[in-house]
C-alpha cells in the first residue's frame, strides 16, 4: 500500500513537471499552434487521470471510464470526425459497462491474479432491471462485490460483524444503486468514484460513547454513474 502511494506521487509529480515544461515552451514560443491545439485541451486532463488510475491499479474501472470519455471527445473534436457524439454516447456507454462487468474480476484484481469467493462471509450479487432486500448475519463478514444496472439492492447487516482487519465491498452502479444498513460503530471508508451519481454515509450516530471500532474497517470501493448508494443505520 505504501509503495503504491509512493508510485502514485512519483507519477503525478512527473506529469506536473511535464505540464510545466510544456507551458514554459508555449510561453517562449517553442510550440507552434498545431501542437498547442493537440496538447492544451480539457480532454487531455481526463486521459491523463485515466492513465494514472490504470497504471497505479488504484481503480482501473475509473481509469477506463475516464480514458473512454476523454478519448471519445478528443478524437471527435481534434480529428473533426463530424459524428454526433451524443447519438453514440449512451450505446457506447452500455457496451463499455458490459465489457467491464464481464471482465470485472480481472480489471479490479491485482495483475496476474483472479480471486473467487463463495461463502456466507461474502456477498456477490448482480441486479439488472430488478433487485430486492437481503439480510446478512455473518459473524465474520469480509466484503464482496455488488453490481446494479437499472436495479437496486438493499442489505440489512445490523446483526452482522466484520472480520478483524481491512475488508472491502466493490460496487458497480449504472443507472442503479444499493443501500447498506449497518451498525453505528462500523468503521467505513468510502472510495467510490461517481459521475452523475454519488455514494454517501447517512448514519446517525446514537451517542459519542459509541465510537467507531478501530480494529476493523470496511472499504466501499468501485464506480457509480447515473446511480449510487448510501449507508444507513436503520431500515426505512
C-alpha atoms as a PDB file:
ATOM      1  CA  UNK A   1       0.000   0.000   0.000  1.00  0.00           C
ATOM      2  CA  UNK A   2       2.804   2.417   0.901  1.00  0.00           C
ATOM      3  CA  UNK A   3       4.683   1.568  -2.308  1.00  0.00           C
ATOM      4  CA  UNK A   4       1.503   2.235  -4.298  1.00  0.00           C
ATOM      5  CA  UNK A   5       1.128   5.673  -2.710  1.00  0.00           C
ATOM      6  CA  UNK A   6       4.787   6.482  -3.453  1.00  0.00           C
ATOM      7  CA  UNK A   7       4.421   5.342  -7.086  1.00  0.00           C
ATOM      8  CA  UNK A   8       1.286   7.461  -7.473  1.00  0.00           C
ATOM      9  CA  UNK A   9       3.025  10.542  -6.092  1.00  0.00           C
ATOM     10  CA  UNK A  10       6.004   9.916  -8.374  1.00  0.00           C
ATOM     11  CA  UNK A  11       3.816   9.591 -11.466  1.00  0.00           C
ATOM     12  CA  UNK A  12       1.785  12.659 -10.509  1.00  0.00           C
ATOM     13  CA  UNK A  13       4.979  14.642  -9.936  1.00  0.00           C
ATOM     14  CA  UNK A  14       6.351  13.649 -13.346  1.00  0.00           C
ATOM     15  CA  UNK A  15       3.091  14.690 -15.034  1.00  0.00           C
ATOM     16  CA  UNK A  16       3.128  18.075 -13.268  1.00  0.00           C
ATOM     17  CA  UNK A  17       6.763  18.659 -14.293  1.00  0.00           C
ATOM     18  CA  UNK A  18       5.970  17.774 -17.926  1.00  0.00           C
ATOM     19  CA  UNK A  19       2.947  20.097 -17.845  1.00  0.00           C
ATOM     20  CA  UNK A  20       5.113  22.912 -16.533  1.00  0.00           C
ATOM     21  CA  UNK A  21       7.719  22.308 -19.242  1.00  0.00           C
ATOM     22  CA  UNK A  22       5.002  22.328 -21.919  1.00  0.00           C
ATOM     23  CA  UNK A  23       3.627  25.641 -20.610  1.00  0.00           C
ATOM     24  CA  UNK A  24       7.148  27.073 -20.497  1.00  0.00           C
ATOM     25  CA  UNK A  25       7.744  26.020 -24.097  1.00  0.00           C
ATOM     26  CA  UNK A  26       4.405  27.556 -25.112  1.00  0.00           C
ATOM     27  CA  UNK A  27       5.149  30.863 -23.381  1.00  0.00           C
ATOM     28  CA  UNK A  28       8.553  31.184 -25.070  1.00  0.00           C
ATOM     29  CA  UNK A  29       7.255  30.227 -28.492  1.00  0.00           C
ATOM     30  CA  UNK A  30       8.852  26.784 -28.822  1.00  0.00           C
ATOM     31  CA  UNK A  31       5.485  25.134 -29.538  1.00  0.00           C
ATOM     32  CA  UNK A  32       3.677  26.002 -32.714  1.00  0.00           C
ATOM     33  CA  UNK A  33      -0.083  26.499 -32.820  1.00  0.00           C
ATOM     34  CA  UNK A  34      -0.768  22.997 -34.154  1.00  0.00           C
ATOM     35  CA  UNK A  35       0.994  21.297 -31.231  1.00  0.00           C
ATOM     36  CA  UNK A  36      -0.773  23.577 -28.770  1.00  0.00           C
ATOM     37  CA  UNK A  37      -4.093  22.588 -30.347  1.00  0.00           C
ATOM     38  CA  UNK A  38      -3.361  18.914 -29.657  1.00  0.00           C
ATOM     39  CA  UNK A  39      -1.840  19.277 -26.174  1.00  0.00           C
ATOM     40  CA  UNK A  40      -3.697  22.005 -24.253  1.00  0.00           C
ATOM     41  CA  UNK A  41      -7.206  20.540 -24.156  1.00  0.00           C
ATOM     42  CA  UNK A  42      -9.519  19.572 -21.303  1.00  0.00           C
ATOM     43  CA  UNK A  43      -9.856  16.072 -22.772  1.00  0.00           C
ATOM     44  CA  UNK A  44      -6.128  15.532 -22.209  1.00  0.00           C
ATOM     45  CA  UNK A  45      -6.727  16.029 -18.471  1.00  0.00           C
ATOM     46  CA  UNK A  46      -9.286  13.190 -18.434  1.00  0.00           C
ATOM     47  CA  UNK A  47      -6.991  10.932 -20.447  1.00  0.00           C
ATOM     48  CA  UNK A  48      -4.061  11.673 -18.119  1.00  0.00           C
ATOM     49  CA  UNK A  49      -6.121  10.973 -14.998  1.00  0.00           C
ATOM     50  CA  UNK A  50      -7.368   7.743 -16.574  1.00  0.00           C
ATOM     51  CA  UNK A  51      -3.806   6.616 -17.241  1.00  0.00           C
ATOM     52  CA  UNK A  52      -2.829   7.384 -13.633  1.00  0.00           C
ATOM     53  CA  UNK A  53      -5.679   5.233 -12.302  1.00  0.00           C
ATOM     54  CA  UNK A  54      -4.931   2.351 -14.675  1.00  0.00           C
ATOM     55  CA  UNK A  55      -1.151   2.323 -14.256  1.00  0.00           C
ATOM     56  CA  UNK A  56      -1.301   2.556 -10.467  1.00  0.00           C
ATOM     57  CA  UNK A  57      -4.024  -0.107 -10.237  1.00  0.00           C
ATOM     58  CA  UNK A  58      -5.812   2.027  -7.627  1.00  0.00           C
ATOM     59  CA  UNK A  59      -9.114   1.970  -9.510  1.00  0.00           C
ATOM     60  CA  UNK A  60      -8.884   0.598 -13.019  1.00  0.00           C
ATOM     61  CA  UNK A  61     -12.634   0.866 -13.586  1.00  0.00           C
ATOM     62  CA  UNK A  62     -12.499   4.632 -13.072  1.00  0.00           C
ATOM     63  CA  UNK A  63      -9.413   4.851 -15.251  1.00  0.00           C
ATOM     64  CA  UNK A  64     -11.055   3.000 -18.131  1.00  0.00           C
ATOM     65  CA  UNK A  65     -14.159   5.215 -17.965  1.00  0.00           C
ATOM     66  CA  UNK A  66     -12.072   8.410 -17.923  1.00  0.00           C
ATOM     67  CA  UNK A  67      -9.994   7.155 -20.859  1.00  0.00           C
ATOM     68  CA  UNK A  68     -13.180   6.313 -22.761  1.00  0.00           C
ATOM     69  CA  UNK A  69     -14.855   9.697 -22.181  1.00  0.00           C
ATOM     70  CA  UNK A  70     -11.720  11.782 -22.713  1.00  0.00           C
ATOM     71  CA  UNK A  71     -10.603   9.774 -25.731  1.00  0.00           C
ATOM     72  CA  UNK A  72     -14.016   9.904 -27.406  1.00  0.00           C
ATOM     73  CA  UNK A  73     -14.334  13.684 -27.054  1.00  0.00           C
ATOM     74  CA  UNK A  74     -10.703  14.162 -28.101  1.00  0.00           C
ATOM     75  CA  UNK A  75     -10.989  12.107 -31.283  1.00  0.00           C
ATOM     76  CA  UNK A  76     -14.344  13.583 -32.240  1.00  0.00           C
ATOM     77  CA  UNK A  77     -13.133  17.166 -31.842  1.00  0.00           C
ATOM     78  CA  UNK A  78      -9.446  17.102 -32.785  1.00  0.00           C
ATOM     79  CA  UNK A  79      -9.814  14.798 -35.767  1.00  0.00           C
ATOM     80  CA  UNK A  80     -13.030  16.552 -36.824  1.00  0.00           C
ATOM     81  CA  UNK A  81     -14.912  13.291 -37.402  1.00  0.00           C
ATOM     82  CA  UNK A  82     -18.257  15.085 -37.897  1.00  0.00           C
ATOM     83  CA  UNK A  83     -20.015  12.495 -35.728  1.00  0.00           C
ATOM     84  CA  UNK A  84     -22.927  13.399 -33.472  1.00  0.00           C
ATOM     85  CA  UNK A  85     -21.285  12.279 -30.253  1.00  0.00           C
ATOM     86  CA  UNK A  86     -24.453  12.209 -28.177  1.00  0.00           C
ATOM     87  CA  UNK A  87     -26.069   9.720 -30.545  1.00  0.00           C
ATOM     88  CA  UNK A  88     -23.214   7.341 -29.825  1.00  0.00           C
ATOM     89  CA  UNK A  89     -22.664   8.136 -26.149  1.00  0.00           C
ATOM     90  CA  UNK A  90     -25.351   6.005 -24.478  1.00  0.00           C
ATOM     91  CA  UNK A  91     -24.912   2.905 -26.700  1.00  0.00           C
ATOM     92  CA  UNK A  92     -21.126   3.117 -26.312  1.00  0.00           C
ATOM     93  CA  UNK A  93     -21.502   3.610 -22.558  1.00  0.00           C
ATOM     94  CA  UNK A  94     -23.655   0.483 -22.277  1.00  0.00           C
ATOM     95  CA  UNK A  95     -21.155  -1.514 -24.338  1.00  0.00           C
ATOM     96  CA  UNK A  96     -18.317  -0.295 -22.112  1.00  0.00           C
ATOM     97  CA  UNK A  97     -20.297  -1.100 -18.966  1.00  0.00           C
ATOM     98  CA  UNK A  98     -20.989  -4.618 -20.240  1.00  0.00           C
ATOM     99  CA  UNK A  99     -17.325  -5.223 -21.021  1.00  0.00           C
ATOM    100  CA  UNK A 100     -16.283  -4.005 -17.573  1.00  0.00           C
ATOM    101  CA  UNK A 101     -18.847  -6.260 -15.888  1.00  0.00           C
ATOM    102  CA  UNK A 102     -17.675  -9.288 -17.891  1.00  0.00           C
ATOM    103  CA  UNK A 103     -14.004  -8.699 -17.104  1.00  0.00           C
ATOM    104  CA  UNK A 104     -14.572  -7.119 -13.703  1.00  0.00           C
ATOM    105  CA  UNK A 105     -12.547  -9.645 -11.693  1.00  0.00           C
ATOM    106  CA  UNK A 106      -9.525  -9.199 -13.925  1.00  0.00           C
ATOM    107  CA  UNK A 107      -9.878  -5.405 -14.101  1.00  0.00           C
ATOM    108  CA  UNK A 108     -10.034  -4.836 -10.345  1.00  0.00           C
ATOM    109  CA  UNK A 109      -7.908  -7.717  -9.073  1.00  0.00           C
ATOM    110  CA  UNK A 110      -4.110  -7.374  -8.849  1.00  0.00           C
ATOM    111  CA  UNK A 111      -2.441  -8.048 -12.176  1.00  0.00           C
ATOM    112  CA  UNK A 112      -1.935 -11.767 -12.742  1.00  0.00           C
ATOM    113  CA  UNK A 113      -4.385 -12.782 -10.014  1.00  0.00           C
ATOM    114  CA  UNK A 114      -8.090 -13.513 -10.021  1.00  0.00           C
ATOM    115  CA  UNK A 115      -9.790 -14.111  -6.695  1.00  0.00           C
ATOM    116  CA  UNK A 116     -13.061 -16.047  -6.450  1.00  0.00           C
ATOM    117  CA  UNK A 117     -15.050 -16.395  -3.237  1.00  0.00           C
ATOM    118  CA  UNK A 118     -18.166 -18.376  -2.478  1.00  0.00           C
ATOM    119  CA  UNK A 119     -19.133 -18.491   1.208  1.00  0.00           C
ATOM    120  CA  UNK A 120     -21.553 -16.882   3.623  1.00  0.00           C
ATOM    121  CA  UNK A 121     -18.978 -14.291   4.672  1.00  0.00           C
ATOM    122  CA  UNK A 122     -19.012 -12.664   1.230  1.00  0.00           C
ATOM    123  CA  UNK A 123     -21.676 -11.119  -0.956  1.00  0.00           C
ATOM    124  CA  UNK A 124     -21.567 -11.461  -4.724  1.00  0.00           C
ATOM    125  CA  UNK A 125     -24.731 -10.321  -6.447  1.00  0.00           C
ATOM    126  CA  UNK A 126     -25.928  -8.718  -9.657  1.00  0.00           C
ATOM    127  CA  UNK A 127     -29.205  -6.840 -10.115  1.00  0.00           C
ATOM    128  CA  UNK A 128     -30.310  -5.953 -13.648  1.00  0.00           C
ATOM    129  CA  UNK A 129     -33.748  -4.352 -14.054  1.00  0.00           C
ATOM    130  CA  UNK A 130     -34.594  -5.684 -10.595  1.00  0.00           C
ATOM    131  CA  UNK A 131     -33.260  -6.199  -7.108  1.00  0.00           C
ATOM    132  CA  UNK A 132     -34.535  -6.818  -3.627  1.00  0.00           C
ATOM    133  CA  UNK A 133     -33.792  -6.883   0.102  1.00  0.00           C
ATOM    134  CA  UNK A 134     -31.172  -9.110   1.718  1.00  0.00           C
ATOM    135  CA  UNK A 135     -30.280  -9.912   5.329  1.00  0.00           C
ATOM    136  CA  UNK A 136     -26.629 -10.639   6.163  1.00  0.00           C
ATOM    137  CA  UNK A 137     -25.938 -12.313   9.528  1.00  0.00           C
ATOM    138  CA  UNK A 138     -22.295 -13.299   9.006  1.00  0.00           C
ATOM    139  CA  UNK A 139     -20.176 -13.024  12.158  1.00  0.00           C
ATOM    140  CA  UNK A 140     -17.003 -12.678  10.089  1.00  0.00           C
ATOM    141  CA  UNK A 141     -18.045 -10.566   7.128  1.00  0.00           C
ATOM    142  CA  UNK A 142     -15.237  -9.965   4.644  1.00  0.00           C
ATOM    143  CA  UNK A 143     -16.915  -7.962   1.868  1.00  0.00           C
ATOM    144  CA  UNK A 144     -17.581  -8.891  -1.749  1.00  0.00           C
ATOM    145  CA  UNK A 145     -18.947  -7.226  -4.845  1.00  0.00           C
ATOM    146  CA  UNK A 146     -22.298  -5.825  -5.934  1.00  0.00           C
ATOM    147  CA  UNK A 147     -23.379  -4.910  -9.471  1.00  0.00           C
ATOM    148  CA  UNK A 148     -26.554  -2.866 -10.014  1.00  0.00           C
ATOM    149  CA  UNK A 149     -27.608  -1.948 -13.559  1.00  0.00           C
ATOM    150  CA  UNK A 150     -31.074  -0.381 -13.822  1.00  0.00           C
ATOM    151  CA  UNK A 151     -31.795  -2.075 -10.491  1.00  0.00           C
ATOM    152  CA  UNK A 152     -31.198  -1.882  -6.757  1.00  0.00           C
ATOM    153  CA  UNK A 153     -30.212  -3.991  -3.765  1.00  0.00           C
ATOM    154  CA  UNK A 154     -30.691  -3.394  -0.023  1.00  0.00           C
ATOM    155  CA  UNK A 155     -28.588  -5.203   2.579  1.00  0.00           C
ATOM    156  CA  UNK A 156     -29.555  -5.406   6.261  1.00  0.00           C
ATOM    157  CA  UNK A 157     -26.318  -6.039   8.157  1.00  0.00           C
ATOM    158  CA  UNK A 158     -27.425  -4.921  11.620  1.00  0.00           C
ATOM    159  CA  UNK A 159     -26.801  -8.421  13.025  1.00  0.00           C
ATOM    160  CA  UNK A 160     -23.516  -8.974  11.200  1.00  0.00           C
ATOM    161  CA  UNK A 161     -19.939  -8.448  12.371  1.00  0.00           C
ATOM    162  CA  UNK A 162     -16.881  -7.522  10.381  1.00  0.00           C
ATOM    163  CA  UNK A 163     -13.829  -9.713  10.208  1.00  0.00           C
ATOM    164  CA  UNK A 164     -10.880  -8.050  12.026  1.00  0.00           C
ATOM    165  CA  UNK A 165      -8.668  -6.038   9.695  1.00  0.00           C
ATOM    166  CA  UNK A 166      -9.485  -4.471   6.340  1.00  0.00           C
ATOM    167  CA  UNK A 167     -12.485  -5.642   4.328  1.00  0.00           C
ATOM    168  CA  UNK A 168     -13.945  -4.297   1.102  1.00  0.00           C
ATOM    169  CA  UNK A 169     -17.111  -4.241  -0.988  1.00  0.00           C
ATOM    170  CA  UNK A 170     -16.564  -3.394  -4.641  1.00  0.00           C
ATOM    171  CA  UNK A 171     -19.627  -1.757  -6.202  1.00  0.00           C
ATOM    172  CA  UNK A 172     -20.578  -1.028  -9.797  1.00  0.00           C
ATOM    173  CA  UNK A 173     -23.732   1.050 -10.205  1.00  0.00           C
ATOM    174  CA  UNK A 174     -25.021   2.136 -13.617  1.00  0.00           C
ATOM    175  CA  UNK A 175     -28.494   3.679 -13.515  1.00  0.00           C
ATOM    176  CA  UNK A 176     -28.917   1.680 -10.314  1.00  0.00           C
ATOM    177  CA  UNK A 177     -27.923   1.645  -6.684  1.00  0.00           C
ATOM    178  CA  UNK A 178     -27.592  -0.104  -3.356  1.00  0.00           C
ATOM    179  CA  UNK A 179     -28.142   0.523   0.332  1.00  0.00           C
ATOM    180  CA  UNK A 180     -26.212  -0.896   3.277  1.00  0.00           C
ATOM    181  CA  UNK A 181     -27.802  -0.824   6.723  1.00  0.00           C
ATOM    182  CA  UNK A 182     -25.021  -1.380   9.262  1.00  0.00           C
ATOM    183  CA  UNK A 183     -24.347  -0.845  12.990  1.00  0.00           C
ATOM    184  CA  UNK A 184     -23.321   2.646  14.068  1.00  0.00           C
ATOM    185  CA  UNK A 185     -19.850   1.575  15.181  1.00  0.00           C
ATOM    186  CA  UNK A 186     -18.721   0.100  11.853  1.00  0.00           C
ATOM    187  CA  UNK A 187     -15.635   1.922  10.612  1.00  0.00           C
ATOM    188  CA  UNK A 188     -16.461   2.539   6.933  1.00  0.00           C
ATOM    189  CA  UNK A 189     -14.362   4.361   4.334  1.00  0.00           C
ATOM    190  CA  UNK A 190     -15.998   5.288   1.020  1.00  0.00           C
ATOM    191  CA  UNK A 191     -13.716   5.199  -2.020  1.00  0.00           C
ATOM    192  CA  UNK A 192     -16.329   5.206  -4.789  1.00  0.00           C
ATOM    193  CA  UNK A 193     -15.766   7.298  -7.892  1.00  0.00           C
ATOM    194  CA  UNK A 194     -19.039   8.886  -9.019  1.00  0.00           C
ATOM    195  CA  UNK A 195     -20.040  10.520 -12.297  1.00  0.00           C
ATOM    196  CA  UNK A 196     -23.553  11.990 -12.276  1.00  0.00           C
ATOM    197  CA  UNK A 197     -24.157   9.975  -9.131  1.00  0.00           C
ATOM    198  CA  UNK A 198     -22.963   9.557  -5.557  1.00  0.00           C
ATOM    199  CA  UNK A 199     -22.363   7.304  -2.568  1.00  0.00           C
ATOM    200  CA  UNK A 200     -22.897   8.722   0.911  1.00  0.00           C
ATOM    201  CA  UNK A 201     -22.811   7.742   4.563  1.00  0.00           C
ATOM    202  CA  UNK A 202     -26.109   8.789   6.170  1.00  0.00           C
ATOM    203  CA  UNK A 203     -25.758   7.073   9.529  1.00  0.00           C
ATOM    204  CA  UNK A 204     -26.933   8.884  12.641  1.00  0.00           C
ATOM    205  CA  UNK A 205     -24.562   8.094  15.449  1.00  0.00           C
ATOM    206  CA  UNK A 206     -26.503   7.419  18.607  1.00  0.00           C
ATOM    207  CA  UNK A 207     -24.059   8.931  21.102  1.00  0.00           C
ATOM    208  CA  UNK A 208     -20.399   9.925  21.475  1.00  0.00           C
ATOM    209  CA  UNK A 209     -19.987   6.980  23.908  1.00  0.00           C
ATOM    210  CA  UNK A 210     -20.157   4.590  20.920  1.00  0.00           C
ATOM    211  CA  UNK A 211     -17.013   5.310  18.865  1.00  0.00           C
ATOM    212  CA  UNK A 212     -16.051   3.616  15.633  1.00  0.00           C
ATOM    213  CA  UNK A 213     -14.332   0.264  16.019  1.00  0.00           C
ATOM    214  CA  UNK A 214     -10.618   0.860  15.255  1.00  0.00           C
ATOM    215  CA  UNK A 215      -9.821  -2.851  14.805  1.00  0.00           C
ATOM    216  CA  UNK A 216     -11.972  -3.392  11.711  1.00  0.00           C
ATOM    217  CA  UNK A 217     -12.542  -1.391   8.567  1.00  0.00           C
ATOM    218  CA  UNK A 218     -14.893  -1.753   5.631  1.00  0.00           C
ATOM    219  CA  UNK A 219     -13.881  -0.013   2.410  1.00  0.00           C
ATOM    220  CA  UNK A 220     -16.583   0.728  -0.155  1.00  0.00           C
ATOM    221  CA  UNK A 221     -14.791   0.953  -3.496  1.00  0.00           C
ATOM    222  CA  UNK A 222     -15.861   0.985  -7.128  1.00  0.00           C
ATOM    223  CA  UNK A 223     -17.691   3.167  -9.589  1.00  0.00           C
ATOM    224  CA  UNK A 224     -21.120   4.775  -9.857  1.00  0.00           C
ATOM    225  CA  UNK A 225     -22.544   6.528 -12.908  1.00  0.00           C
ATOM    226  CA  UNK A 226     -26.093   7.853 -13.037  1.00  0.00           C
ATOM    227  CA  UNK A 227     -26.605   5.961  -9.793  1.00  0.00           C
ATOM    228  CA  UNK A 228     -25.014   5.280  -6.439  1.00  0.00           C
ATOM    229  CA  UNK A 229     -25.814   4.206  -2.935  1.00  0.00           C
ATOM    230  CA  UNK A 230     -25.952   5.033   0.730  1.00  0.00           C
ATOM    231  CA  UNK A 231     -25.031   3.698   4.140  1.00  0.00           C
ATOM    232  CA  UNK A 232     -27.605   3.923   6.925  1.00  0.00           C
ATOM    233  CA  UNK A 233     -28.030   2.630  10.468  1.00  0.00           C
ATOM    234  CA  UNK A 234     -31.759   1.895  10.297  1.00  0.00           C
ATOM    235  CA  UNK A 235     -34.256   0.346   7.898  1.00  0.00           C
ATOM    236  CA  UNK A 236     -36.855   2.581   6.267  1.00  0.00           C
END
